[in-house]
Amino acid sequence: MISAIVLIKTSVDRIPEIAERIAALEGVSEVFSVTGTYDLIAMVRVHRHEELAEVIPGRISKIPGVEATDTHVAFRTYSQHDLEAAFAIGLDN
């Protein structure tokens, strides 16, 4: 499995709508609304590198309101727990 972290700048007034459209795409496992330079972070998981091109510039970038993307392909995932913990910082119930 190939994992990519896609940082996404969007039209601020359309973040929820854009996030839902991205989350519905095949190959996208999660979408997070975040603070900082980017508005959304999408986790993309595919079986072949060629599929990254289909999902990211082929689908995500073409959604109206997506202004820019910055993609980081993961070399290695150390554990599912570490990944979940990294995105759950400060969200203890």
PDB file of N, CA and C in Angstrom:
ATOM      1  N   MET A   1       0.855  -1.179   0.000  1.00  0.00           N
ATOM      2  CA  MET A   1       0.000   0.000   0.000  1.00  0.00           C
ATOM      3  C   MET A   1       0.891   1.229   0.000  1.00  0.00           C
ATOM      4  N   ILE A   2       0.578   2.184  -0.845  1.00  0.00           N
ATOM      5  CA  ILE A   2       1.305   3.447  -0.920  1.00  0.00           C
ATOM      6  C   ILE A   2       0.439   4.515  -0.246  1.00  0.00           C
ATOM      7  N   SER A   3       1.036   5.239   0.682  1.00  0.00           N
ATOM      8  CA  SER A   3       0.321   6.301   1.401  1.00  0.00           C
ATOM      9  C   SER A   3       0.886   7.648   1.035  1.00  0.00           C
ATOM     10  N   ALA A   4      -0.006   8.614   0.860  1.00  0.00           N
ATOM     11  CA  ALA A   4       0.402   9.988   0.587  1.00  0.00           C
ATOM     12  C   ALA A   4      -0.404  10.918   1.484  1.00  0.00           C
ATOM     13  N   ILE A   5       0.268  11.951   1.961  1.00  0.00           N
ATOM     14  CA  ILE A   5      -0.364  12.992   2.755  1.00  0.00           C
ATOM     15  C   ILE A   5      -0.492  14.191   1.831  1.00  0.00           C
ATOM     16  N   VAL A   6      -1.719  14.651   1.613  1.00  0.00           N
ATOM     17  CA  VAL A   6      -1.957  15.746   0.680  1.00  0.00           C
ATOM     18  C   VAL A   6      -2.433  16.964   1.462  1.00  0.00           C
ATOM     19  N   LEU A   7      -1.621  18.020   1.449  1.00  0.00           N
ATOM     20  CA  LEU A   7      -1.979  19.286   2.087  1.00  0.00           C
ATOM     21  C   LEU A   7      -2.722  20.111   1.048  1.00  0.00           C
ATOM     22  N   ILE A   8      -3.881  20.653   1.427  1.00  0.00           N
ATOM     23  CA  ILE A   8      -4.772  21.275   0.452  1.00  0.00           C
ATOM     24  C   ILE A   8      -5.178  22.674   0.887  1.00  0.00           C
ATOM     25  N   LYS A   9      -4.997  23.643  -0.016  1.00  0.00           N
ATOM     26  CA  LYS A   9      -5.530  24.990   0.183  1.00  0.00           C
ATOM     27  C   LYS A   9      -6.840  25.078  -0.589  1.00  0.00           C
ATOM     28  N   THR A  10      -7.847  25.671   0.064  1.00  0.00           N
ATOM     29  CA  THR A  10      -9.174  25.750  -0.542  1.00  0.00           C
ATOM     30  C   THR A  10      -9.766  27.145  -0.389  1.00  0.00           C
ATOM     31  N   SER A  11     -10.904  27.332  -1.020  1.00  0.00           N
ATOM     32  CA  SER A  11     -11.716  28.511  -0.751  1.00  0.00           C
ATOM     33  C   SER A  11     -12.251  28.339   0.669  1.00  0.00           C
ATOM     34  N   VAL A  12     -11.918  29.253   1.550  1.00  0.00           N
ATOM     35  CA  VAL A  12     -12.243  29.099   2.975  1.00  0.00           C
ATOM     36  C   VAL A  12     -13.734  28.944   3.220  1.00  0.00           C
ATOM     37  N   ASP A  13     -14.556  29.622   2.462  1.00  0.00           N
ATOM     38  CA  ASP A  13     -15.995  29.553   2.673  1.00  0.00           C
ATOM     39  C   ASP A  13     -16.602  28.232   2.197  1.00  0.00           C
ATOM     40  N   ARG A  14     -15.798  27.369   1.564  1.00  0.00           N
ATOM     41  CA  ARG A  14     -16.320  26.107   1.029  1.00  0.00           C
ATOM     42  C   ARG A  14     -15.629  24.881   1.636  1.00  0.00           C
ATOM     43  N   ILE A  15     -14.899  25.055   2.743  1.00  0.00           N
ATOM     44  CA  ILE A  15     -14.132  23.951   3.319  1.00  0.00           C
ATOM     45  C   ILE A  15     -14.991  22.707   3.584  1.00  0.00           C
ATOM     46  N   PRO A  16     -16.132  22.803   4.259  1.00  0.00           N
ATOM     47  CA  PRO A  16     -16.907  21.573   4.535  1.00  0.00           C
ATOM     48  C   PRO A  16     -17.343  20.848   3.260  1.00  0.00           C
ATOM     49  N   GLU A  17     -17.824  21.598   2.297  1.00  0.00           N
ATOM     50  CA  GLU A  17     -18.280  21.008   1.029  1.00  0.00           C
ATOM     51  C   GLU A  17     -17.127  20.329   0.290  1.00  0.00           C
ATOM     52  N   ILE A  18     -15.990  21.007   0.219  1.00  0.00           N
ATOM     53  CA  ILE A  18     -14.821  20.452  -0.469  1.00  0.00           C
ATOM     54  C   ILE A  18     -14.305  19.222   0.266  1.00  0.00           C
ATOM     55  N   ALA A  19     -14.251  19.283   1.591  1.00  0.00           N
ATOM     56  CA  ALA A  19     -13.789  18.144   2.385  1.00  0.00           C
ATOM     57  C   ALA A  19     -14.666  16.917   2.139  1.00  0.00           C
ATOM     58  N   GLU A  20     -15.968  17.095   2.087  1.00  0.00           N
ATOM     59  CA  GLU A  20     -16.876  15.983   1.837  1.00  0.00           C
ATOM     60  C   GLU A  20     -16.668  15.387   0.452  1.00  0.00           C
ATOM     61  N   ARG A  21     -16.455  16.236  -0.544  1.00  0.00           N
ATOM     62  CA  ARG A  21     -16.218  15.741  -1.909  1.00  0.00           C
ATOM     63  C   ARG A  21     -14.917  14.962  -1.983  1.00  0.00           C
ATOM     64  N   ILE A  22     -13.881  15.456  -1.321  1.00  0.00           N
ATOM     65  CA  ILE A  22     -12.594  14.745  -1.324  1.00  0.00           C
ATOM     66  C   ILE A  22     -12.726  13.420  -0.583  1.00  0.00           C
ATOM     67  N   ALA A  23     -13.390  13.422   0.557  1.00  0.00           N
ATOM     68  CA  ALA A  23     -13.543  12.205   1.359  1.00  0.00           C
ATOM     69  C   ALA A  23     -14.297  11.113   0.602  1.00  0.00           C
ATOM     70  N   ALA A  24     -15.144  11.493  -0.331  1.00  0.00           N
ATOM     71  CA  ALA A  24     -15.931  10.528  -1.098  1.00  0.00           C
ATOM     72  C   ALA A  24     -15.137   9.879  -2.236  1.00  0.00           C
ATOM     73  N   LEU A  25     -13.946  10.397  -2.521  1.00  0.00           N
ATOM     74  CA  LEU A  25     -13.151   9.864  -3.631  1.00  0.00           C
ATOM     75  C   LEU A  25     -12.535   8.512  -3.290  1.00  0.00           C
ATOM     76  N   GLU A  26     -12.530   7.620  -4.250  1.00  0.00           N
ATOM     77  CA  GLU A  26     -11.853   6.338  -4.080  1.00  0.00           C
ATOM     78  C   GLU A  26     -10.363   6.588  -3.898  1.00  0.00           C
ATOM     79  N   GLY A  27      -9.775   5.958  -2.910  1.00  0.00           N
ATOM     80  CA  GLY A  27      -8.356   6.136  -2.608  1.00  0.00           C
ATOM     81  C   GLY A  27      -8.105   7.092  -1.461  1.00  0.00           C
ATOM     82  N   VAL A  28      -9.100   7.892  -1.103  1.00  0.00           N
ATOM     83  CA  VAL A  28      -8.962   8.827   0.018  1.00  0.00           C
ATOM     84  C   VAL A  28      -9.541   8.149   1.259  1.00  0.00           C
ATOM     85  N   SER A  29      -8.699   7.988   2.288  1.00  0.00           N
ATOM     86  CA  SER A  29      -9.174   7.293   3.493  1.00  0.00           C
ATOM     87  C   SER A  29      -9.679   8.247   4.570  1.00  0.00           C
ATOM     88  N   GLU A  30      -9.083   9.432   4.678  1.00  0.00           N
ATOM     89  CA  GLU A  30      -9.513  10.425   5.661  1.00  0.00           C
ATOM     90  C   GLU A  30      -9.259  11.817   5.107  1.00  0.00           C
ATOM     91  N   VAL A  31     -10.038  12.766   5.615  1.00  0.00           N
ATOM     92  CA  VAL A  31      -9.811  14.184   5.337  1.00  0.00           C
ATOM     93  C   VAL A  31      -9.945  14.914   6.662  1.00  0.00           C
ATOM     94  N   PHE A  32      -8.963  15.751   6.966  1.00  0.00           N
ATOM     95  CA  PHE A  32      -8.952  16.517   8.207  1.00  0.00           C
ATOM     96  C   PHE A  32      -9.017  18.001   7.883  1.00  0.00           C
ATOM     97  N   SER A  33      -9.853  18.740   8.589  1.00  0.00           N
ATOM     98  CA  SER A  33      -9.847  20.196   8.549  1.00  0.00           C
ATOM     99  C   SER A  33      -8.827  20.630   9.596  1.00  0.00           C
ATOM    100  N   VAL A  34      -7.877  21.484   9.207  1.00  0.00           N
ATOM    101  CA  VAL A  34      -6.770  21.828  10.099  1.00  0.00           C
ATOM    102  C   VAL A  34      -6.525  23.332  10.147  1.00  0.00           C
ATOM    103  N   THR A  35      -5.756  23.749  11.146  1.00  0.00           N
ATOM    104  CA  THR A  35      -5.306  25.127  11.233  1.00  0.00           C
ATOM    105  C   THR A  35      -3.953  25.244  10.541  1.00  0.00           C
ATOM    106  N   GLY A  36      -3.559  26.462  10.261  1.00  0.00           N
ATOM    107  CA  GLY A  36      -2.240  26.676   9.673  1.00  0.00           C
ATOM    108  C   GLY A  36      -2.316  27.108   8.225  1.00  0.00           C
ATOM    109  N   THR A  37      -1.244  26.886   7.510  1.00  0.00           N
ATOM    110  CA  THR A  37      -1.112  27.322   6.122  1.00  0.00           C
ATOM    111  C   THR A  37      -2.122  26.650   5.205  1.00  0.00           C
ATOM    112  N   TYR A  38      -2.426  25.390   5.487  1.00  0.00           N
ATOM    113  CA  TYR A  38      -3.362  24.630   4.656  1.00  0.00           C
ATOM    114  C   TYR A  38      -4.697  24.504   5.363  1.00  0.00           C
ATOM    115  N   ASP A  39      -5.741  24.246   4.581  1.00  0.00           N
ATOM    116  CA  ASP A  39      -7.093  24.144   5.125  1.00  0.00           C
ATOM    117  C   ASP A  39      -7.515  22.710   5.404  1.00  0.00           C
ATOM    118  N   LEU A  40      -7.026  21.781   4.565  1.00  0.00           N
ATOM    119  CA  LEU A  40      -7.383  20.372   4.680  1.00  0.00           C
ATOM    120  C   LEU A  40      -6.147  19.501   4.521  1.00  0.00           C
ATOM    121  N   ILE A  41      -6.194  18.334   5.135  1.00  0.00           N
ATOM    122  CA  ILE A  41      -5.187  17.304   4.899  1.00  0.00           C
ATOM    123  C   ILE A  41      -5.939  16.042   4.522  1.00  0.00           C
ATOM    124  N   ALA A  42      -5.580  15.465   3.385  1.00  0.00           N
ATOM    125  CA  ALA A  42      -6.192  14.218   2.939  1.00  0.00           C
ATOM    126  C   ALA A  42      -5.157  13.101   2.992  1.00  0.00           C
ATOM    127  N   MET A  43      -5.576  11.960   3.487  1.00  0.00           N
ATOM    128  CA  MET A  43      -4.744  10.766   3.478  1.00  0.00           C
ATOM    129  C   MET A  43      -5.183   9.933   2.281  1.00  0.00           C
ATOM    130  N   VAL A  44      -4.240   9.683   1.389  1.00  0.00           N
ATOM    131  CA  VAL A  44      -4.532   8.904   0.189  1.00  0.00           C
ATOM    132  C   VAL A  44      -3.779   7.588   0.296  1.00  0.00           C
ATOM    133  N   ARG A  45      -4.487   6.489   0.070  1.00  0.00           N
ATOM    134  CA  ARG A  45      -3.871   5.163   0.123  1.00  0.00           C
ATOM    135  C   ARG A  45      -4.261   4.403  -1.141  1.00  0.00           C
ATOM    136  N   VAL A  46      -3.251   4.016  -1.911  1.00  0.00           N
ATOM    137  CA  VAL A  46      -3.472   3.317  -3.176  1.00  0.00           C
ATOM    138  C   VAL A  46      -2.503   2.142  -3.289  1.00  0.00           C
ATOM    139  N   HIS A  47      -2.725   1.285  -4.275  1.00  0.00           N
ATOM    140  CA  HIS A  47      -1.879   0.110  -4.461  1.00  0.00           C
ATOM    141  C   HIS A  47      -0.700   0.359  -5.393  1.00  0.00           C
ATOM    142  N   ARG A  48      -0.837   1.304  -6.319  1.00  0.00           N
ATOM    143  CA  ARG A  48       0.222   1.557  -7.304  1.00  0.00           C
ATOM    144  C   ARG A  48       0.517   3.054  -7.373  1.00  0.00           C
ATOM    145  N   HIS A  49       1.768   3.391  -7.645  1.00  0.00           N
ATOM    146  CA  HIS A  49       2.141   4.800  -7.756  1.00  0.00           C
ATOM    147  C   HIS A  49       1.316   5.530  -8.817  1.00  0.00           C
ATOM    148  N   GLU A  50       0.999   4.849  -9.897  1.00  0.00           N
ATOM    149  CA  GLU A  50       0.220   5.474 -10.969  1.00  0.00           C
ATOM    150  C   GLU A  50      -1.136   5.957 -10.475  1.00  0.00           C
ATOM    151  N   GLU A  51      -1.664   5.277  -9.473  1.00  0.00           N
ATOM    152  CA  GLU A  51      -2.960   5.669  -8.919  1.00  0.00           C
ATOM    153  C   GLU A  51      -2.886   7.010  -8.192  1.00  0.00           C
ATOM    154  N   LEU A  52      -1.719   7.369  -7.674  1.00  0.00           N
ATOM    155  CA  LEU A  52      -1.579   8.685  -7.036  1.00  0.00           C
ATOM    156  C   LEU A  52      -1.912   9.783  -8.030  1.00  0.00           C
ATOM    157  N   ALA A  53      -1.448   9.639  -9.261  1.00  0.00           N
ATOM    158  CA  ALA A  53      -1.729  10.638 -10.298  1.00  0.00           C
ATOM    159  C   ALA A  53      -3.214  10.685 -10.620  1.00  0.00           C
ATOM    160  N   GLU A  54      -3.868   9.547 -10.578  1.00  0.00           N
ATOM    161  CA  GLU A  54      -5.308   9.522 -10.842  1.00  0.00           C
ATOM    162  C   GLU A  54      -6.079  10.237  -9.739  1.00  0.00           C
ATOM    163  N   VAL A  55      -5.669  10.014  -8.494  1.00  0.00           N
ATOM    164  CA  VAL A  55      -6.417  10.556  -7.355  1.00  0.00           C
ATOM    165  C   VAL A  55      -6.084  12.019  -7.095  1.00  0.00           C
ATOM    166  N   ILE A  56      -4.801  12.369  -7.060  1.00  0.00           N
ATOM    167  CA  ILE A  56      -4.430  13.718  -6.603  1.00  0.00           C
ATOM    168  C   ILE A  56      -4.601  14.757  -7.712  1.00  0.00           C
ATOM    169  N   PRO A  57      -3.770  14.785  -8.750  1.00  0.00           N
ATOM    170  CA  PRO A  57      -4.029  15.794  -9.780  1.00  0.00           C
ATOM    171  C   PRO A  57      -5.252  15.463 -10.639  1.00  0.00           C
ATOM    172  N   GLY A  58      -5.580  14.170 -10.737  1.00  0.00           N
ATOM    173  CA  GLY A  58      -6.697  13.763 -11.579  1.00  0.00           C
ATOM    174  C   GLY A  58      -8.066  14.020 -10.997  1.00  0.00           C
ATOM    175  N   ARG A  59      -8.181  13.985  -9.669  1.00  0.00           N
ATOM    176  CA  ARG A  59      -9.496  14.163  -9.035  1.00  0.00           C
ATOM    177  C   ARG A  59      -9.510  15.286  -7.992  1.00  0.00           C
ATOM    178  N   ILE A  60      -8.620  15.192  -6.989  1.00  0.00           N
ATOM    179  CA  ILE A  60      -8.637  16.193  -5.910  1.00  0.00           C
ATOM    180  C   ILE A  60      -8.427  17.594  -6.465  1.00  0.00           C
ATOM    181  N   SER A  61      -7.402  17.771  -7.269  1.00  0.00           N
ATOM    182  CA  SER A  61      -7.072  19.110  -7.779  1.00  0.00           C
ATOM    183  C   SER A  61      -8.136  19.691  -8.694  1.00  0.00           C
ATOM    184  N   LYS A  62      -8.996  18.846  -9.232  1.00  0.00           N
ATOM    185  CA  LYS A  62     -10.035  19.312 -10.158  1.00  0.00           C
ATOM    186  C   LYS A  62     -11.348  19.672  -9.464  1.00  0.00           C
ATOM    187  N   ILE A  63     -11.423  19.461  -8.165  1.00  0.00           N
ATOM    188  CA  ILE A  63     -12.635  19.829  -7.434  1.00  0.00           C
ATOM    189  C   ILE A  63     -12.703  21.350  -7.350  1.00  0.00           C
ATOM    190  N   PRO A  64     -13.820  21.942  -7.761  1.00  0.00           N
ATOM    191  CA  PRO A  64     -13.956  23.402  -7.675  1.00  0.00           C
ATOM    192  C   PRO A  64     -13.726  23.883  -6.240  1.00  0.00           C
ATOM    193  N   GLY A  65     -12.879  24.882  -6.098  1.00  0.00           N
ATOM    194  CA  GLY A  65     -12.557  25.425  -4.782  1.00  0.00           C
ATOM    195  C   GLY A  65     -11.211  24.962  -4.252  1.00  0.00           C
ATOM    196  N   VAL A  66     -10.652  23.886  -4.826  1.00  0.00           N
ATOM    197  CA  VAL A  66      -9.302  23.462  -4.453  1.00  0.00           C
ATOM    198  C   VAL A  66      -8.338  24.389  -5.175  1.00  0.00           C
ATOM    199  N   GLU A  67      -7.557  25.125  -4.414  1.00  0.00           N
ATOM    200  CA  GLU A  67      -6.661  26.129  -4.983  1.00  0.00           C
ATOM    201  C   GLU A  67      -5.243  25.613  -5.189  1.00  0.00           C
ATOM    202  N   ALA A  68      -4.768  24.720  -4.302  1.00  0.00           N
ATOM    203  CA  ALA A  68      -3.406  24.189  -4.409  1.00  0.00           C
ATOM    204  C   ALA A  68      -3.283  22.939  -3.558  1.00  0.00           C
ATOM    205  N   THR A  69      -2.372  22.058  -3.964  1.00  0.00           N
ATOM    206  CA  THR A  69      -2.068  20.872  -3.167  1.00  0.00           C
ATOM    207  C   THR A  69      -0.555  20.749  -3.022  1.00  0.00           C
ATOM    208  N   ASP A  70      -0.143  20.113  -1.945  1.00  0.00           N
ATOM    209  CA  ASP A  70       1.266  19.811  -1.687  1.00  0.00           C
ATOM    210  C   ASP A  70       1.285  18.372  -1.193  1.00  0.00           C
ATOM    211  N   THR A  71       1.865  17.472  -1.975  1.00  0.00           N
ATOM    212  CA  THR A  71       1.785  16.044  -1.691  1.00  0.00           C
ATOM    213  C   THR A  71       3.088  15.501  -1.130  1.00  0.00           C
ATOM    214  N   HIS A  72       2.970  14.688  -0.098  1.00  0.00           N
ATOM    215  CA  HIS A  72       4.108  14.031   0.532  1.00  0.00           C
ATOM    216  C   HIS A  72       3.849  12.530   0.516  1.00  0.00           C
ATOM    217  N   VAL A  73       4.670  11.781  -0.205  1.00  0.00           N
ATOM    218  CA  VAL A  73       4.525  10.332  -0.270  1.00  0.00           C
ATOM    219  C   VAL A  73       5.303   9.719   0.892  1.00  0.00           C
ATOM    220  N   ALA A  74       4.647   8.841   1.620  1.00  0.00           N
ATOM    221  CA  ALA A  74       5.271   8.207   2.781  1.00  0.00           C
ATOM    222  C   ALA A  74       6.190   7.078   2.331  1.00  0.00           C
ATOM    223  N   PHE A  75       7.374   7.018   2.916  1.00  0.00           N
ATOM    224  CA  PHE A  75       8.296   5.916   2.662  1.00  0.00           C
ATOM    225  C   PHE A  75       7.901   4.691   3.469  1.00  0.00           C
ATOM    226  N   ARG A  76       7.478   4.940   4.716  1.00  0.00           N
ATOM    227  CA  ARG A  76       7.227   3.829   5.625  1.00  0.00           C
ATOM    228  C   ARG A  76       6.215   4.289   6.680  1.00  0.00           C
ATOM    229  N   THR A  77       5.325   3.394   7.049  1.00  0.00           N
ATOM    230  CA  THR A  77       4.418   3.622   8.169  1.00  0.00           C
ATOM    231  C   THR A  77       4.928   2.769   9.320  1.00  0.00           C
ATOM    232  N   TYR A  78       5.168   3.382  10.446  1.00  0.00           N
ATOM    233  CA  TYR A  78       5.748   2.646  11.560  1.00  0.00           C
ATOM    234  C   TYR A  78       4.724   1.864  12.347  1.00  0.00           C
ATOM    235  N   SER A  79       3.542   2.421  12.539  1.00  0.00           N
ATOM    236  CA  SER A  79       2.452   1.668  13.149  1.00  0.00           C
ATOM    237  C   SER A  79       1.174   2.458  13.001  1.00  0.00           C
ATOM    238  N   GLN A  80       0.073   1.756  12.945  1.00  0.00           N
ATOM    239  CA  GLN A  80      -1.228   2.410  12.849  1.00  0.00           C
ATOM    240  C   GLN A  80      -1.472   3.270  14.076  1.00  0.00           C
ATOM    241  N   HIS A  81      -1.054   2.791  15.239  1.00  0.00           N
ATOM    242  CA  HIS A  81      -1.236   3.540  16.487  1.00  0.00           C
ATOM    243  C   HIS A  81      -0.524   4.887  16.430  1.00  0.00           C
ATOM    244  N   ASP A  82       0.721   4.901  15.951  1.00  0.00           N
ATOM    245  CA  ASP A  82       1.476   6.153  15.866  1.00  0.00           C
ATOM    246  C   ASP A  82       0.785   7.147  14.946  1.00  0.00           C
ATOM    247  N   LEU A  83       0.243   6.665  13.835  1.00  0.00           N
ATOM    248  CA  LEU A  83      -0.449   7.540  12.895  1.00  0.00           C
ATOM    249  C   LEU A  83      -1.687   8.138  13.540  1.00  0.00           C
ATOM    250  N   GLU A  84      -2.486   7.323  14.211  1.00  0.00           N
ATOM    251  CA  GLU A  84      -3.693   7.815  14.860  1.00  0.00           C
ATOM    252  C   GLU A  84      -3.352   8.784  15.983  1.00  0.00           C
ATOM    253  N   ALA A  85      -2.311   8.490  16.749  1.00  0.00           N
ATOM    254  CA  ALA A  85      -1.901   9.359  17.856  1.00  0.00           C
ATOM    255  C   ALA A  85      -1.441  10.708  17.343  1.00  0.00           C
ATOM    256  N   ALA A  86      -0.757  10.747  16.214  1.00  0.00           N
ATOM    257  CA  ALA A  86      -0.258  12.006  15.670  1.00  0.00           C
ATOM    258  C   ALA A  86      -1.394  12.954  15.317  1.00  0.00           C
ATOM    259  N   PHE A  87      -2.509  12.416  14.854  1.00  0.00           N
ATOM    260  CA  PHE A  87      -3.629  13.270  14.463  1.00  0.00           C
ATOM    261  C   PHE A  87      -4.630  13.485  15.591  1.00  0.00           C
ATOM    262  N   ALA A  88      -4.436  12.842  16.730  1.00  0.00           N
ATOM    263  CA  ALA A  88      -5.358  12.970  17.853  1.00  0.00           C
ATOM    264  C   ALA A  88      -4.807  13.837  18.969  1.00  0.00           C
ATOM    265  N   ILE A  89      -3.692  14.500  18.755  1.00  0.00           N
ATOM    266  CA  ILE A  89      -3.077  15.325  19.799  1.00  0.00           C
ATOM    267  C   ILE A  89      -4.057  16.371  20.273  1.00  0.00           C
ATOM    268  N   GLY A  90      -4.270  16.410  21.569  1.00  0.00           N
ATOM    269  CA  GLY A  90      -5.148  17.418  22.164  1.00  0.00           C
ATOM    270  C   GLY A  90      -6.627  17.087  22.066  1.00  0.00           C
ATOM    271  N   LEU A  91      -6.967  15.906  21.609  1.00  0.00           N
ATOM    272  CA  LEU A  91      -8.373  15.572  21.442  1.00  0.00           C
ATOM    273  C   LEU A  91      -8.838  14.479  22.408  1.00  0.00           C
ATOM    274  N   ASP A  92      -8.167  14.362  23.557  1.00  0.00           N
ATOM    275  CA  ASP A  92      -8.557  13.345  24.533  1.00  0.00           C
ATOM    276  C   ASP A  92      -9.929  13.654  25.086  1.00  0.00           C
ATOM    277  N   ASN A  93     -10.729  12.600  25.220  1.00  0.00           N
ATOM    278  CA  ASN A  93     -12.095  12.786  25.767  1.00  0.00           C
ATOM    279  C   ASN A  93     -12.115  12.539  27.236  1.00  0.00           C
TER     280      ASN A  93
END
